[in-house]
Protein backbone atom coordinates (compact mmCIF):
# COMPACT_ATOMS: atom_id res chain seq x y z
CA MET A 1 7.18 -53.24 -36.65
CA ARG A 2 4.43 -54.53 -34.41
CA LYS A 3 1.97 -54.72 -37.32
CA LEU A 4 4.47 -56.67 -39.40
CA THR A 5 4.98 -59.19 -36.59
CA LYS A 6 1.23 -59.58 -36.26
CA ASN A 7 0.88 -60.19 -40.01
CA CYS A 8 3.66 -62.80 -39.92
CA TYR A 9 1.90 -64.48 -36.98
CA PHE A 10 -1.39 -64.64 -38.88
CA LEU A 11 0.40 -65.96 -41.97
CA PHE A 12 2.07 -68.68 -39.90
CA LEU A 13 -1.24 -69.55 -38.24
CA PHE A 14 -2.97 -69.70 -41.63
CA LEU A 15 -0.26 -71.98 -43.06
CA LEU A 16 -0.44 -74.22 -39.99
CA ILE A 17 -4.24 -74.53 -40.26
CA TYR A 18 -4.04 -75.01 -44.04
CA ILE A 19 -1.44 -77.79 -43.75
CA ASN A 20 -3.39 -79.43 -40.91
CA ILE A 21 -6.63 -79.39 -42.93
CA ASP A 22 -4.76 -80.57 -46.03
CA PHE A 23 -3.34 -83.63 -44.26
CA SER A 24 -6.37 -84.50 -42.11
CA SER A 25 -9.04 -84.19 -44.81
CA MET A 26 -7.06 -85.25 -47.87
CA ARG A 27 -9.26 -88.35 -48.27
CA LEU A 28 -12.40 -86.27 -47.79
CA GLY A 29 -11.17 -83.71 -50.32
CA ALA A 30 -10.42 -86.45 -52.86
CA LEU A 31 -13.88 -87.92 -52.28
CA THR A 32 -15.51 -84.49 -52.72
CA ALA A 33 -13.52 -83.89 -55.92
CA PHE A 34 -14.57 -87.33 -57.19
CA PHE A 35 -18.26 -86.54 -56.61
CA VAL A 36 -17.92 -83.09 -58.23
CA VAL A 37 -16.28 -84.61 -61.33
CA LYS A 38 -18.87 -87.41 -61.37
CA ASN A 39 -21.74 -84.89 -61.23
CA ALA A 40 -20.08 -82.65 -63.83
CA TYR A 41 -19.97 -85.42 -66.45
């Protein structure tokens, strides 16, 4: 039971960090994707 709670906590923490990064660096991510596509073609 304790291990399950710990896993849920880590999952919640991961989602929180992922959402935070997704919203804060969305412009940076779009810029990076643009440069990757530009270099690919």
